[in-house]
Amino acid sequence: MALSSRNSYLSPTERQAARIVPRLWQLAQEMVEHGELESGKIIEAIEQAATAQPMASLEYALIVDPETLTPLRVLIDEARLLLAVKIGKTRLIDNAPLVPKAPPPPVV
């Protein structure tokens, strides 16, 4: 996941801090791949992980249906993670897919 084009507004130190944005998505995707499908638990982990970067202020993290943008409580199929993180005076917004691991085929 690339940083927003707004990263041109960031100082070199802020650019380093902005690396938290793709890390938050990676955390969410890893949780989904390991079977966590409750949006609340994923968002809670994102909120906690965001505090590791003192220059970052998480404005929101939402998990939504990719078609309707309706917030999801539980992931069933692909969803979108929407993030807004403020670094200094710059607000970085991003979105990325969250794809649950396909269940194994039934044993016949």
Protein backbone atom coordinates (compact mmCIF):
# COMPACT_ATOMS: atom_id res chain seq x y z
CA MET A 1 0.00 0.00 0.00
CA ALA A 2 1.53 3.31 -1.05
CA LEU A 3 1.30 6.45 0.98
CA SER A 4 -1.13 9.10 -0.13
CA SER A 5 0.07 11.77 -2.55
CA ARG A 6 -0.32 14.09 0.41
CA ASN A 7 2.98 12.75 1.72
CA SER A 8 4.63 15.57 -0.25
CA TYR A 9 3.40 17.85 2.56
CA LEU A 10 5.31 15.83 5.16
CA SER A 11 8.75 16.59 6.51
CA PRO A 12 11.31 13.75 6.34
CA THR A 13 10.59 12.90 9.99
CA GLU A 14 6.84 12.92 9.35
CA ARG A 15 7.32 10.66 6.31
CA GLN A 16 8.99 8.13 8.58
CA ALA A 17 6.06 8.39 11.00
CA ALA A 18 3.59 7.97 8.12
CA ARG A 19 4.86 4.43 7.62
CA ILE A 20 2.37 3.53 10.34
CA VAL A 21 -0.46 3.71 7.77
CA PRO A 22 0.53 0.61 5.74
CA ARG A 23 1.52 -1.15 8.97
CA LEU A 24 -2.01 -0.70 10.31
CA TRP A 25 -3.47 -2.25 7.18
CA GLN A 26 -0.96 -5.10 7.38
CA LEU A 27 -1.96 -5.75 11.00
CA ALA A 28 -5.64 -5.87 10.03
CA GLN A 29 -4.99 -8.19 7.08
CA GLU A 30 -2.89 -10.54 9.21
CA MET A 31 -5.65 -10.70 11.82
CA VAL A 32 -8.22 -11.54 9.12
CA GLU A 33 -5.92 -14.17 7.59
CA HIS A 34 -5.60 -15.77 11.03
CA GLY A 35 -9.36 -16.00 11.38
CA GLU A 36 -10.40 -12.81 13.18
CA LEU A 37 -13.58 -11.63 11.48
CA GLU A 38 -15.06 -9.29 14.12
CA SER A 39 -14.56 -5.70 12.97
CA GLY A 40 -14.57 -4.37 16.51
CA LYS A 41 -11.59 -6.51 17.54
CA ILE A 42 -9.65 -5.59 14.40
CA ILE A 43 -10.33 -1.87 14.87
CA GLU A 44 -9.38 -2.09 18.54
CA ALA A 45 -6.02 -3.62 17.55
CA ILE A 46 -5.50 -0.88 14.94
CA GLU A 47 -6.24 1.81 17.54
CA GLN A 48 -3.77 0.26 19.96
CA ALA A 49 -1.07 -0.19 17.28
CA ALA A 50 -1.46 3.41 16.13
CA THR A 51 -0.37 4.62 19.57
CA ALA A 52 3.09 3.12 18.87
CA GLN A 53 3.76 6.12 16.60
CA PRO A 54 3.63 9.25 18.77
CA MET A 55 3.53 11.57 15.73
CA ALA A 56 0.41 9.84 14.41
CA SER A 57 -3.14 10.54 15.43
CA LEU A 58 -5.67 7.98 14.21
CA GLU A 59 -8.82 9.88 13.22
CA TYR A 60 -10.79 6.83 12.17
CA ALA A 61 -10.56 3.19 11.17
CA LEU A 62 -13.65 1.64 9.60
CA ILE A 63 -14.30 -1.74 8.04
CA VAL A 64 -16.99 -1.47 5.39
CA ASP A 65 -18.73 -3.33 2.61
CA PRO A 66 -16.76 -2.53 -0.58
CA GLU A 67 -19.93 -1.89 -2.61
CA THR A 68 -22.14 0.07 -0.22
CA LEU A 69 -19.54 1.41 2.27
CA THR A 70 -21.86 0.25 5.05
CA PRO A 71 -19.89 -0.52 8.24
CA LEU A 72 -19.57 -4.24 8.89
CA ARG A 73 -19.69 -5.93 12.28
CA VAL A 74 -18.39 -9.22 10.88
CA LEU A 75 -16.42 -9.93 7.72
CA ILE A 76 -17.95 -12.61 5.53
CA ASP A 77 -16.47 -11.74 2.16
CA GLU A 78 -14.03 -9.08 1.07
CA ALA A 79 -14.30 -5.80 2.96
CA ARG A 80 -12.50 -2.44 2.80
CA LEU A 81 -10.48 -0.92 5.60
CA LEU A 82 -10.79 2.87 5.61
CA LEU A 83 -8.15 4.81 7.55
CA ALA A 84 -7.51 8.46 8.31
CA VAL A 85 -4.32 9.28 10.18
CA LYS A 86 -3.06 12.74 10.95
CA ILE A 87 0.71 13.24 10.91
CA GLY A 88 1.57 16.76 11.95
CA LYS A 89 -0.83 19.00 10.04
CA THR A 90 -1.32 16.51 7.21
CA ARG A 91 -4.28 14.16 7.10
CA LEU A 92 -3.51 10.91 5.29
CA ILE A 93 -6.48 8.88 4.10
CA ASP A 94 -6.27 5.42 2.63
CA ASN A 95 -8.31 2.34 1.98
CA ALA A 96 -7.36 -1.24 1.28
CA PRO A 97 -9.04 -4.62 0.89
CA LEU A 98 -9.42 -7.07 3.74
CA VAL A 99 -9.95 -10.57 2.43
CA PRO A 100 -10.92 -13.41 4.76
CA LYS A 101 -9.14 -16.67 4.18
CA ALA A 102 -11.31 -19.03 2.15
CA PRO A 103 -12.54 -21.98 4.17
CA PRO A 104 -11.03 -25.31 3.16
CA PRO A 105 -13.15 -27.38 0.79
CA PRO A 106 -15.31 -30.01 2.50
CA VAL A 107 -13.78 -33.44 2.84
CA VAL A 108 -15.81 -35.98 0.92
